[in-house]
Amino acid sequence: MDQTQYDKPLDNLDDYLDAFKEILKGVELFKQKLNTVEENQQLQSKRLQVLERFVEAEVRRVQSSQAVAAKQGASLPAHVPIAKKASKRSSSNTTPRLKKKLASSTGRSK
């Protein structure tokens, strides 16, 4: 066996070592990105938990408001404010055009 046959692969060992170092750098970068992804998933999970708690609290609030409204005899949803009894003056809020429509639809004219 000739010694030159072994010299070539030995000369390439530095190239192999450099290539493996580059691969190792890539693996380290991948690990960092993977850790970042895992951290982001944990943050998203925490955000989702906070949002779920908020929604649950809001549902409880609305349900309790509806229960209070039901006790008071109101049939409106809790988020709709209960209006006071309309006064007789509220009919003056109708426009003349609306009055004409109302009069014509009921058969009365003014």
PDB file of N, CA and C in Angstrom:
ATOM      1  N   MET A   1       0.829  -1.174   0.000  1.00  0.00           N
ATOM      2  CA  MET A   1       0.000   0.000   0.000  1.00  0.00           C
ATOM      3  C   MET A   1       0.869   1.231   0.000  1.00  0.00           C
ATOM      4  N   ASP A   2       0.422   2.135  -0.771  1.00  0.00           N
ATOM      5  CA  ASP A   2       1.179   3.368  -0.922  1.00  0.00           C
ATOM      6  C   ASP A   2       0.736   4.372   0.125  1.00  0.00           C
ATOM      7  N   GLN A   3       1.665   5.118   0.670  1.00  0.00           N
ATOM      8  CA  GLN A   3       1.383   6.113   1.709  1.00  0.00           C
ATOM      9  C   GLN A   3       0.529   7.255   1.160  1.00  0.00           C
ATOM     10  N   THR A   4       0.664   7.574  -0.113  1.00  0.00           N
ATOM     11  CA  THR A   4      -0.105   8.668  -0.705  1.00  0.00           C
ATOM     12  C   THR A   4      -1.591   8.374  -0.702  1.00  0.00           C
ATOM     13  N   GLN A   5      -1.938   7.137  -0.680  1.00  0.00           N
ATOM     14  CA  GLN A   5      -3.349   6.753  -0.644  1.00  0.00           C
ATOM     15  C   GLN A   5      -3.993   7.229   0.663  1.00  0.00           C
ATOM     16  N   TYR A   6      -3.274   7.240   1.754  1.00  0.00           N
ATOM     17  CA  TYR A   6      -3.804   7.679   3.036  1.00  0.00           C
ATOM     18  C   TYR A   6      -3.641   9.174   3.251  1.00  0.00           C
ATOM     19  N   ASP A   7      -2.779   9.804   2.512  1.00  0.00           N
ATOM     20  CA  ASP A   7      -2.559  11.244   2.675  1.00  0.00           C
ATOM     21  C   ASP A   7      -3.785  12.042   2.239  1.00  0.00           C
ATOM     22  N   LYS A   8      -4.421  11.646   1.179  1.00  0.00           N
ATOM     23  CA  LYS A   8      -5.560  12.406   0.680  1.00  0.00           C
ATOM     24  C   LYS A   8      -6.704  12.426   1.703  1.00  0.00           C
ATOM     25  N   PRO A   9      -7.152  11.297   2.213  1.00  0.00           N
ATOM     26  CA  PRO A   9      -8.207  11.371   3.209  1.00  0.00           C
ATOM     27  C   PRO A   9      -7.776  12.147   4.456  1.00  0.00           C
ATOM     28  N   LEU A  10      -6.551  12.047   4.848  1.00  0.00           N
ATOM     29  CA  LEU A  10      -6.066  12.782   6.012  1.00  0.00           C
ATOM     30  C   LEU A  10      -6.057  14.280   5.745  1.00  0.00           C
ATOM     31  N   ASP A  11      -5.761  14.685   4.532  1.00  0.00           N
ATOM     32  CA  ASP A  11      -5.788  16.103   4.188  1.00  0.00           C
ATOM     33  C   ASP A  11      -7.214  16.635   4.254  1.00  0.00           C
ATOM     34  N   ASN A  12      -8.187  15.779   3.941  1.00  0.00           N
ATOM     35  CA  ASN A  12      -9.580  16.197   3.945  1.00  0.00           C
ATOM     36  C   ASN A  12     -10.197  16.214   5.338  1.00  0.00           C
ATOM     37  N   LEU A  13      -9.486  15.714   6.334  1.00  0.00           N
ATOM     38  CA  LEU A  13     -10.040  15.705   7.691  1.00  0.00           C
ATOM     39  C   LEU A  13     -10.342  17.114   8.179  1.00  0.00           C
ATOM     40  N   ASP A  14      -9.514  18.073   7.836  1.00  0.00           N
ATOM     41  CA  ASP A  14      -9.792  19.459   8.228  1.00  0.00           C
ATOM     42  C   ASP A  14     -11.089  19.949   7.583  1.00  0.00           C
ATOM     43  N   ASP A  15     -11.272  19.548   6.318  1.00  0.00           N
ATOM     44  CA  ASP A  15     -12.519  19.916   5.642  1.00  0.00           C
ATOM     45  C   ASP A  15     -13.711  19.261   6.335  1.00  0.00           C
ATOM     46  N   TYR A  16     -13.562  17.973   6.688  1.00  0.00           N
ATOM     47  CA  TYR A  16     -14.634  17.267   7.404  1.00  0.00           C
ATOM     48  C   TYR A  16     -14.913  17.923   8.747  1.00  0.00           C
ATOM     49  N   LEU A  17     -13.837  18.288   9.436  1.00  0.00           N
ATOM     50  CA  LEU A  17     -13.986  18.927  10.743  1.00  0.00           C
ATOM     51  C   LEU A  17     -14.714  20.259  10.601  1.00  0.00           C
ATOM     52  N   ASP A  18     -14.363  21.041   9.596  1.00  0.00           N
ATOM     53  CA  ASP A  18     -15.048  22.314   9.351  1.00  0.00           C
ATOM     54  C   ASP A  18     -16.524  22.092   9.022  1.00  0.00           C
ATOM     55  N   ALA A  19     -16.790  21.065   8.214  1.00  0.00           N
ATOM     56  CA  ALA A  19     -18.173  20.764   7.845  1.00  0.00           C
ATOM     57  C   ALA A  19     -18.970  20.348   9.077  1.00  0.00           C
ATOM     58  N   PHE A  20     -18.370  19.522   9.928  1.00  0.00           N
ATOM     59  CA  PHE A  20     -19.068  19.104  11.141  1.00  0.00           C
ATOM     60  C   PHE A  20     -19.282  20.282  12.097  1.00  0.00           C
ATOM     61  N   LYS A  21     -18.337  21.196  12.131  1.00  0.00           N
ATOM     62  CA  LYS A  21     -18.516  22.395  12.961  1.00  0.00           C
ATOM     63  C   LYS A  21     -19.692  23.228  12.445  1.00  0.00           C
ATOM     64  N   GLU A  22     -19.818  23.336  11.127  1.00  0.00           N
ATOM     65  CA  GLU A  22     -20.945  24.067  10.543  1.00  0.00           C
ATOM     66  C   GLU A  22     -22.269  23.359  10.857  1.00  0.00           C
ATOM     67  N   ILE A  23     -22.236  22.029  10.768  1.00  0.00           N
ATOM     68  CA  ILE A  23     -23.444  21.265  11.111  1.00  0.00           C
ATOM     69  C   ILE A  23     -23.800  21.482  12.563  1.00  0.00           C
ATOM     70  N   LEU A  24     -22.791  21.462  13.431  1.00  0.00           N
ATOM     71  CA  LEU A  24     -23.030  21.679  14.858  1.00  0.00           C
ATOM     72  C   LEU A  24     -23.603  23.075  15.118  1.00  0.00           C
ATOM     73  N   LYS A  25     -23.108  24.081  14.391  1.00  0.00           N
ATOM     74  CA  LYS A  25     -23.670  25.434  14.512  1.00  0.00           C
ATOM     75  C   LYS A  25     -25.143  25.428  14.095  1.00  0.00           C
ATOM     76  N   GLY A  26     -25.428  24.727  12.999  1.00  0.00           N
ATOM     77  CA  GLY A  26     -26.819  24.621  12.539  1.00  0.00           C
ATOM     78  C   GLY A  26     -27.700  23.937  13.565  1.00  0.00           C
ATOM     79  N   VAL A  27     -27.173  22.886  14.200  1.00  0.00           N
ATOM     80  CA  VAL A  27     -27.935  22.184  15.229  1.00  0.00           C
ATOM     81  C   VAL A  27     -28.188  23.118  16.406  1.00  0.00           C
ATOM     82  N   GLU A  28     -27.201  23.880  16.801  1.00  0.00           N
ATOM     83  CA  GLU A  28     -27.367  24.830  17.908  1.00  0.00           C
ATOM     84  C   GLU A  28     -28.406  25.905  17.566  1.00  0.00           C
ATOM     85  N   LEU A  29     -28.360  26.411  16.340  1.00  0.00           N
ATOM     86  CA  LEU A  29     -29.363  27.395  15.907  1.00  0.00           C
ATOM     87  C   LEU A  29     -30.761  26.776  15.918  1.00  0.00           C
ATOM     88  N   PHE A  30     -30.850  25.525  15.468  1.00  0.00           N
ATOM     89  CA  PHE A  30     -32.140  24.838  15.475  1.00  0.00           C
ATOM     90  C   PHE A  30     -32.654  24.678  16.903  1.00  0.00           C
ATOM     91  N   LYS A  31     -31.756  24.335  17.822  1.00  0.00           N
ATOM     92  CA  LYS A  31     -32.150  24.203  19.234  1.00  0.00           C
ATOM     93  C   LYS A  31     -32.662  25.532  19.773  1.00  0.00           C
ATOM     94  N   GLN A  32     -31.970  26.624  19.431  1.00  0.00           N
ATOM     95  CA  GLN A  32     -32.400  27.943  19.892  1.00  0.00           C
ATOM     96  C   GLN A  32     -33.777  28.278  19.336  1.00  0.00           C
ATOM     97  N   LYS A  33     -33.968  28.018  18.048  1.00  0.00           N
ATOM     98  CA  LYS A  33     -35.270  28.299  17.440  1.00  0.00           C
ATOM     99  C   LYS A  33     -36.351  27.419  18.044  1.00  0.00           C
ATOM    100  N   LEU A  34     -36.021  26.170  18.306  1.00  0.00           N
ATOM    101  CA  LEU A  34     -36.971  25.260  18.917  1.00  0.00           C
ATOM    102  C   LEU A  34     -37.349  25.748  20.318  1.00  0.00           C
ATOM    103  N   ASN A  35     -36.353  26.214  21.063  1.00  0.00           N
ATOM    104  CA  ASN A  35     -36.635  26.766  22.389  1.00  0.00           C
ATOM    105  C   ASN A  35     -37.516  27.996  22.286  1.00  0.00           C
ATOM    106  N   THR A  36     -37.247  28.837  21.282  1.00  0.00           N
ATOM    107  CA  THR A  36     -38.063  30.035  21.077  1.00  0.00           C
ATOM    108  C   THR A  36     -39.495  29.642  20.732  1.00  0.00           C
ATOM    109  N   VAL A  37     -39.662  28.642  19.889  1.00  0.00           N
ATOM    110  CA  VAL A  37     -41.000  28.171  19.525  1.00  0.00           C
ATOM    111  C   VAL A  37     -41.713  27.632  20.760  1.00  0.00           C
ATOM    112  N   GLU A  38     -41.006  26.856  21.571  1.00  0.00           N
ATOM    113  CA  GLU A  38     -41.614  26.307  22.782  1.00  0.00           C
ATOM    114  C   GLU A  38     -42.009  27.426  23.750  1.00  0.00           C
ATOM    115  N   GLU A  39     -41.139  28.436  23.874  1.00  0.00           N
ATOM    116  CA  GLU A  39     -41.459  29.580  24.743  1.00  0.00           C
ATOM    117  C   GLU A  39     -42.681  30.313  24.215  1.00  0.00           C
ATOM    118  N   ASN A  40     -42.754  30.500  22.903  1.00  0.00           N
ATOM    119  CA  ASN A  40     -43.916  31.168  22.304  1.00  0.00           C
ATOM    120  C   ASN A  40     -45.185  30.358  22.538  1.00  0.00           C
ATOM    121  N   GLN A  41     -45.081  29.036  22.426  1.00  0.00           N
ATOM    122  CA  GLN A  41     -46.250  28.192  22.674  1.00  0.00           C
ATOM    123  C   GLN A  41     -46.693  28.301  24.126  1.00  0.00           C
ATOM    124  N   GLN A  42     -45.725  28.379  25.045  1.00  0.00           N
ATOM    125  CA  GLN A  42     -46.074  28.528  26.461  1.00  0.00           C
ATOM    126  C   GLN A  42     -46.753  29.868  26.700  1.00  0.00           C
ATOM    127  N   LEU A  43     -46.236  30.927  26.066  1.00  0.00           N
ATOM    128  CA  LEU A  43     -46.859  32.247  26.204  1.00  0.00           C
ATOM    129  C   LEU A  43     -48.265  32.235  25.626  1.00  0.00           C
ATOM    130  N   GLN A  44     -48.427  31.615  24.461  1.00  0.00           N
ATOM    131  CA  GLN A  44     -49.757  31.536  23.857  1.00  0.00           C
ATOM    132  C   GLN A  44     -50.708  30.748  24.750  1.00  0.00           C
ATOM    133  N   SER A  45     -50.204  29.699  25.370  1.00  0.00           N
ATOM    134  CA  SER A  45     -51.025  28.896  26.269  1.00  0.00           C
ATOM    135  C   SER A  45     -51.460  29.735  27.468  1.00  0.00           C
ATOM    136  N   LYS A  46     -50.531  30.521  28.007  1.00  0.00           N
ATOM    137  CA  LYS A  46     -50.872  31.395  29.139  1.00  0.00           C
ATOM    138  C   LYS A  46     -51.889  32.442  28.714  1.00  0.00           C
ATOM    139  N   ARG A  47     -51.709  33.019  27.541  1.00  0.00           N
ATOM    140  CA  ARG A  47     -52.662  34.014  27.039  1.00  0.00           C
ATOM    141  C   ARG A  47     -54.038  33.400  26.859  1.00  0.00           C
ATOM    142  N   LEU A  48     -54.075  32.185  26.346  1.00  0.00           N
ATOM    143  CA  LEU A  48     -55.337  31.492  26.151  1.00  0.00           C
ATOM    144  C   LEU A  48     -56.023  31.228  27.488  1.00  0.00           C
ATOM    145  N   GLN A  49     -55.252  30.855  28.496  1.00  0.00           N
ATOM    146  CA  GLN A  49     -55.819  30.616  29.820  1.00  0.00           C
ATOM    147  C   GLN A  49     -56.401  31.900  30.399  1.00  0.00           C
ATOM    148  N   VAL A  50     -55.683  33.007  30.233  1.00  0.00           N
ATOM    149  CA  VAL A  50     -56.178  34.295  30.728  1.00  0.00           C
ATOM    150  C   VAL A  50     -57.465  34.669  29.999  1.00  0.00           C
ATOM    151  N   LEU A  51     -57.475  34.474  28.690  1.00  0.00           N
ATOM    152  CA  LEU A  51     -58.673  34.788  27.905  1.00  0.00           C
ATOM    153  C   LEU A  51     -59.843  33.908  28.319  1.00  0.00           C
ATOM    154  N   GLU A  52     -59.590  32.625  28.553  1.00  0.00           N
ATOM    155  CA  GLU A  52     -60.657  31.725  29.003  1.00  0.00           C
ATOM    156  C   GLU A  52     -61.213  32.175  30.351  1.00  0.00           C
ATOM    157  N   ARG A  53     -60.321  32.564  31.270  1.00  0.00           N
ATOM    158  CA  ARG A  53     -60.789  33.038  32.582  1.00  0.00           C
ATOM    159  C   ARG A  53     -61.617  34.304  32.433  1.00  0.00           C
ATOM    160  N   PHE A  54     -61.190  35.204  31.535  1.00  0.00           N
ATOM    161  CA  PHE A  54     -61.939  36.438  31.314  1.00  0.00           C
ATOM    162  C   PHE A  54     -63.326  36.123  30.776  1.00  0.00           C
ATOM    163  N   VAL A  55     -63.392  35.222  29.782  1.00  0.00           N
ATOM    164  CA  VAL A  55     -64.681  34.874  29.187  1.00  0.00           C
ATOM    165  C   VAL A  55     -65.585  34.224  30.234  1.00  0.00           C
ATOM    166  N   GLU A  56     -65.028  33.334  31.038  1.00  0.00           N
ATOM    167  CA  GLU A  56     -65.827  32.690  32.089  1.00  0.00           C
ATOM    168  C   GLU A  56     -66.361  33.726  33.072  1.00  0.00           C
ATOM    169  N   ALA A  57     -65.512  34.689  33.454  1.00  0.00           N
ATOM    170  CA  ALA A  57     -65.947  35.732  34.376  1.00  0.00           C
ATOM    171  C   ALA A  57     -67.031  36.594  33.744  1.00  0.00           C
ATOM    172  N   GLU A  58     -66.884  36.899  32.464  1.00  0.00           N
ATOM    173  CA  GLU A  58     -67.873  37.714  31.758  1.00  0.00           C
ATOM    174  C   GLU A  58     -69.203  36.969  31.658  1.00  0.00           C
ATOM    175  N   VAL A  59     -69.139  35.662  31.395  1.00  0.00           N
ATOM    176  CA  VAL A  59     -70.361  34.861  31.326  1.00  0.00           C
ATOM    177  C   VAL A  59     -71.057  34.860  32.685  1.00  0.00           C
ATOM    178  N   ARG A  60     -70.272  34.685  33.751  1.00  0.00           N
ATOM    179  CA  ARG A  60     -70.871  34.705  35.096  1.00  0.00           C
ATOM    180  C   ARG A  60     -71.503  36.065  35.387  1.00  0.00           C
ATOM    181  N   ARG A  61     -70.819  37.146  34.965  1.00  0.00           N
ATOM    182  CA  ARG A  61     -71.347  38.487  35.197  1.00  0.00           C
ATOM    183  C   ARG A  61     -72.667  38.682  34.472  1.00  0.00           C
ATOM    184  N   VAL A  62     -72.714  38.270  33.212  1.00  0.00           N
ATOM    185  CA  VAL A  62     -73.937  38.426  32.421  1.00  0.00           C
ATOM    186  C   VAL A  62     -75.057  37.570  33.001  1.00  0.00           C
ATOM    187  N   GLN A  63     -74.713  36.345  33.390  1.00  0.00           N
ATOM    188  CA  GLN A  63     -75.734  35.471  33.959  1.00  0.00           C
ATOM    189  C   GLN A  63     -76.285  36.043  35.262  1.00  0.00           C
ATOM    190  N   SER A  64     -75.399  36.610  36.091  1.00  0.00           N
ATOM    191  CA  SER A  64     -75.904  37.188  37.337  1.00  0.00           C
ATOM    192  C   SER A  64     -76.741  38.428  37.047  1.00  0.00           C
ATOM    193  N   SER A  65     -76.344  39.205  36.048  1.00  0.00           N
ATOM    194  CA  SER A  65     -77.145  40.372  35.669  1.00  0.00           C
ATOM    195  C   SER A  65     -78.509  39.942  35.151  1.00  0.00           C
ATOM    196  N   GLN A  66     -78.530  38.866  34.381  1.00  0.00           N
ATOM    197  CA  GLN A  66     -79.807  38.362  33.872  1.00  0.00           C
ATOM    198  C   GLN A  66     -80.680  37.837  35.011  1.00  0.00           C
ATOM    199  N   ALA A  67     -80.054  37.213  35.994  1.00  0.00           N
ATOM    200  CA  ALA A  67     -80.813  36.706  37.136  1.00  0.00           C
ATOM    201  C   ALA A  67     -81.430  37.857  37.915  1.00  0.00           C
ATOM    202  N   VAL A  68     -80.662  38.926  38.110  1.00  0.00           N
ATOM    203  CA  VAL A  68     -81.183  40.103  38.804  1.00  0.00           C
ATOM    204  C   VAL A  68     -82.318  40.722  38.006  1.00  0.00           C
ATOM    205  N   ALA A  69     -82.128  40.822  36.692  1.00  0.00           N
ATOM    206  CA  ALA A  69     -83.165  41.403  35.835  1.00  0.00           C
ATOM    207  C   ALA A  69     -84.416  40.535  35.846  1.00  0.00           C
ATOM    208  N   ALA A  70     -84.234  39.219  35.881  1.00  0.00           N
ATOM    209  CA  ALA A  70     -85.390  38.319  35.911  1.00  0.00           C
ATOM    210  C   ALA A  70     -86.158  38.481  37.215  1.00  0.00           C
ATOM    211  N   LYS A  71     -85.431  38.692  38.301  1.00  0.00           N
ATOM    212  CA  LYS A  71     -86.101  38.901  39.589  1.00  0.00           C
ATOM    213  C   LYS A  71     -86.900  40.196  39.569  1.00  0.00           C
ATOM    214  N   GLN A  72     -86.397  41.177  38.803  1.00  0.00           N
ATOM    215  CA  GLN A  72     -87.090  42.463  38.726  1.00  0.00           C
ATOM    216  C   GLN A  72     -88.204  42.414  37.681  1.00  0.00           C
ATOM    217  N   GLY A  73     -88.357  41.309  37.008  1.00  0.00           N
ATOM    218  CA  GLY A  73     -89.432  41.151  36.033  1.00  0.00           C
ATOM    219  C   GLY A  73     -89.083  41.648  34.650  1.00  0.00           C
ATOM    220  N   ALA A  74     -87.848  41.889  34.373  1.00  0.00           N
ATOM    221  CA  ALA A  74     -87.453  42.364  33.046  1.00  0.00           C
ATOM    222  C   ALA A  74     -87.178  41.161  32.155  1.00  0.00           C
ATOM    223  N   SER A  75     -87.544  41.279  30.897  1.00  0.00           N
ATOM    224  CA  SER A  75     -87.314  40.181  29.967  1.00  0.00           C
ATOM    225  C   SER A  75     -86.201  40.517  28.981  1.00  0.00           C
ATOM    226  N   LEU A  76     -85.581  41.677  29.125  1.00  0.00           N
ATOM    227  CA  LEU A  76     -84.514  42.080  28.221  1.00  0.00           C
ATOM    228  C   LEU A  76     -83.205  41.424  28.632  1.00  0.00           C
ATOM    229  N   PRO A  77     -82.298  41.237  27.695  1.00  0.00           N
ATOM    230  CA  PRO A  77     -80.978  40.728  28.052  1.00  0.00           C
ATOM    231  C   PRO A  77     -80.288  41.699  29.014  1.00  0.00           C
ATOM    232  N   ALA A  78     -79.338  41.189  29.777  1.00  0.00           N
ATOM    233  CA  ALA A  78     -78.696  41.982  30.813  1.00  0.00           C
ATOM    234  C   ALA A  78     -77.946  43.191  30.253  1.00  0.00           C
ATOM    235  N   HIS A  79     -77.414  43.096  29.059  1.00  0.00           N
ATOM    236  CA  HIS A  79     -76.625  44.203  28.527  1.00  0.00           C
ATOM    237  C   HIS A  79     -77.501  45.316  27.953  1.00  0.00           C
ATOM    238  N   VAL A  80     -78.803  45.085  27.830  1.00  0.00           N
ATOM    239  CA  VAL A  80     -79.708  46.115  27.323  1.00  0.00           C
ATOM    240  C   VAL A  80     -80.258  46.884  28.520  1.00  0.00           C
ATOM    241  N   PRO A  81     -80.020  48.187  28.591  1.00  0.00           N
ATOM    242  CA  PRO A  81     -80.528  48.938  29.737  1.00  0.00           C
ATOM    243  C   PRO A  81     -82.057  48.954  29.739  1.00  0.00           C
ATOM    244  N   ILE A  82     -82.604  48.817  30.906  1.00  0.00           N
ATOM    245  CA  ILE A  82     -84.058  48.829  31.036  1.00  0.00           C
ATOM    246  C   ILE A  82     -84.518  50.283  31.004  1.00  0.00           C
ATOM    247  N   ALA A  83     -85.371  50.602  30.041  1.00  0.00           N
ATOM    248  CA  ALA A  83     -85.833  51.978  29.877  1.00  0.00           C
ATOM    249  C   ALA A  83     -86.917  52.292  30.908  1.00  0.00           C
ATOM    250  N   LYS A  84     -86.969  53.549  31.243  1.00  0.00           N
ATOM    251  CA  LYS A  84     -88.036  53.985  32.144  1.00  0.00           C
ATOM    252  C   LYS A  84     -89.346  54.019  31.369  1.00  0.00           C
ATOM    253  N   LYS A  85     -90.426  54.059  32.085  1.00  0.00           N
ATOM    254  CA  LYS A  85     -91.733  54.102  31.442  1.00  0.00           C
ATOM    255  C   LYS A  85     -91.816  55.353  30.567  1.00  0.00           C
ATOM    256  N   ALA A  86     -92.267  55.180  29.354  1.00  0.00           N
ATOM    257  CA  ALA A  86     -92.330  56.292  28.412  1.00  0.00           C
ATOM    258  C   ALA A  86     -93.394  57.289  28.863  1.00  0.00           C
ATOM    259  N   SER A  87     -93.063  58.545  28.737  1.00  0.00           N
ATOM    260  CA  SER A  87     -94.033  59.581  29.110  1.00  0.00           C
ATOM    261  C   SER A  87     -94.913  59.899  27.923  1.00  0.00           C
ATOM    262  N   LYS A  88     -95.969  60.669  28.177  1.00  0.00           N
ATOM    263  CA  LYS A  88     -96.895  61.034  27.106  1.00  0.00           C
ATOM    264  C   LYS A  88     -96.223  61.963  26.098  1.00  0.00           C
ATOM    265  N   ARG A  89     -95.182  62.643  26.525  1.00  0.00           N
ATOM    266  CA  ARG A  89     -94.516  63.585  25.641  1.00  0.00           C
ATOM    267  C   ARG A  89     -93.666  62.861  24.592  1.00  0.00           C
ATOM    268  N   SER A  90     -93.419  61.578  24.772  1.00  0.00           N
ATOM    269  CA  SER A  90     -92.555  60.860  23.833  1.00  0.00           C
ATOM    270  C   SER A  90     -93.163  60.804  22.435  1.00  0.00           C
ATOM    271  N   SER A  91     -94.474  60.924  22.326  1.00  0.00           N
ATOM    272  CA  SER A  91     -95.087  60.897  21.006  1.00  0.00           C
ATOM    273  C   SER A  91     -94.736  62.143  20.210  1.00  0.00           C
ATOM    274  N   SER A  92     -94.273  63.173  20.880  1.00  0.00           N
ATOM    275  CA  SER A  92     -93.891  64.385  20.164  1.00  0.00           C
ATOM    276  C   SER A  92     -92.552  64.196  19.454  1.00  0.00           C
ATOM    277  N   ASN A  93     -91.894  63.097  19.726  1.00  0.00           N
ATOM    278  CA  ASN A  93     -90.612  62.821  19.070  1.00  0.00           C
ATOM    279  C   ASN A  93     -90.799  62.343  17.630  1.00  0.00           C
ATOM    280  N   THR A  94     -92.002  61.976  17.255  1.00  0.00           N
ATOM    281  CA  THR A  94     -92.219  61.501  15.892  1.00  0.00           C
ATOM    282  C   THR A  94     -92.211  62.680  14.934  1.00  0.00           C
ATOM    283  N   THR A  95     -91.640  62.465  13.802  1.00  0.00           N
ATOM    284  CA  THR A  95     -91.535  63.533  12.804  1.00  0.00           C
ATOM    285  C   THR A  95     -92.869  63.690  12.085  1.00  0.00           C
ATOM    286  N   PRO A  96     -93.113  64.862  11.490  1.00  0.00           N
ATOM    287  CA  PRO A  96     -94.363  65.059  10.734  1.00  0.00           C
ATOM    288  C   PRO A  96     -94.536  64.020   9.624  1.00  0.00           C
ATOM    289  N   ARG A  97     -93.442  63.642   8.997  1.00  0.00           N
ATOM    290  CA  ARG A  97     -93.509  62.655   7.924  1.00  0.00           C
ATOM    291  C   ARG A  97     -93.979  61.310   8.470  1.00  0.00           C
ATOM    292  N   LEU A  98     -93.447  60.952   9.645  1.00  0.00           N
ATOM    293  CA  LEU A  98     -93.842  59.702  10.269  1.00  0.00           C
ATOM    294  C   LEU A  98     -95.298  59.776  10.722  1.00  0.00           C
ATOM    295  N   LYS A  99     -95.715  60.937  11.212  1.00  0.00           N
ATOM    296  CA  LYS A  99     -97.116  61.102  11.613  1.00  0.00           C
ATOM    297  C   LYS A  99     -98.042  60.887  10.429  1.00  0.00           C
ATOM    298  N   LYS A 100     -97.657  61.425   9.240  1.00  0.00           N
ATOM    299  CA  LYS A 100     -98.477  61.248   8.044  1.00  0.00           C
ATOM    300  C   LYS A 100     -98.564  59.774   7.675  1.00  0.00           C
ATOM    301  N   LYS A 101     -97.407  59.070   7.758  1.00  0.00           N
ATOM    302  CA  LYS A 101     -97.410  57.647   7.434  1.00  0.00           C
ATOM    303  C   LYS A 101     -98.308  56.883   8.385  1.00  0.00           C
ATOM    304  N   LEU A 102     -98.184  57.204   9.651  1.00  0.00           N
ATOM    305  CA  LEU A 102     -99.005  56.523  10.646  1.00  0.00           C
ATOM    306  C   LEU A 102    -100.489  56.802  10.412  1.00  0.00           C
ATOM    307  N   ALA A 103    -100.813  58.069  10.120  1.00  0.00           N
ATOM    308  CA  ALA A 103    -102.206  58.440   9.904  1.00  0.00           C
ATOM    309  C   ALA A 103    -102.755  57.756   8.662  1.00  0.00           C
ATOM    310  N   SER A 104    -101.961  57.701   7.602  1.00  0.00           N
ATOM    311  CA  SER A 104    -102.457  57.085   6.373  1.00  0.00           C
ATOM    312  C   SER A 104    -102.595  55.571   6.527  1.00  0.00           C
ATOM    313  N   SER A 105    -101.729  54.972   7.319  1.00  0.00           N
ATOM    314  CA  SER A 105    -101.814  53.520   7.478  1.00  0.00           C
ATOM    315  C   SER A 105    -102.976  53.131   8.380  1.00  0.00           C
ATOM    316  N   THR A 106    -103.381  54.007   9.284  1.00  0.00           N
ATOM    317  CA  THR A 106    -104.507  53.687  10.166  1.00  0.00           C
ATOM    318  C   THR A 106    -105.825  54.215   9.618  1.00  0.00           C
ATOM    319  N   GLY A 107    -105.764  54.994   8.531  1.00  0.00           N
ATOM    320  CA  GLY A 107    -106.971  55.521   7.925  1.00  0.00           C
ATOM    321  C   GLY A 107    -107.383  56.867   8.506  1.00  0.00           C
ATOM    322  N   ARG A 108    -106.591  57.372   9.428  1.00  0.00           N
ATOM    323  CA  ARG A 108    -106.913  58.685   9.985  1.00  0.00           C
ATOM    324  C   ARG A 108    -106.052  59.736   9.305  1.00  0.00           C
ATOM    325  N   SER A 109    -106.558  60.919   9.182  1.00  0.00           N
ATOM    326  CA  SER A 109    -105.757  62.000   8.608  1.00  0.00           C
ATOM    327  C   SER A 109    -105.825  63.187   9.541  1.00  0.00           C
ATOM    328  N   LYS A 110    -104.757  63.916   9.539  1.00  0.00           N
ATOM    329  CA  LYS A 110    -104.695  65.102  10.395  1.00  0.00           C
ATOM    330  C   LYS A 110    -104.726  66.346   9.594  1.00  0.00           C
TER     331      LYS A 110
END
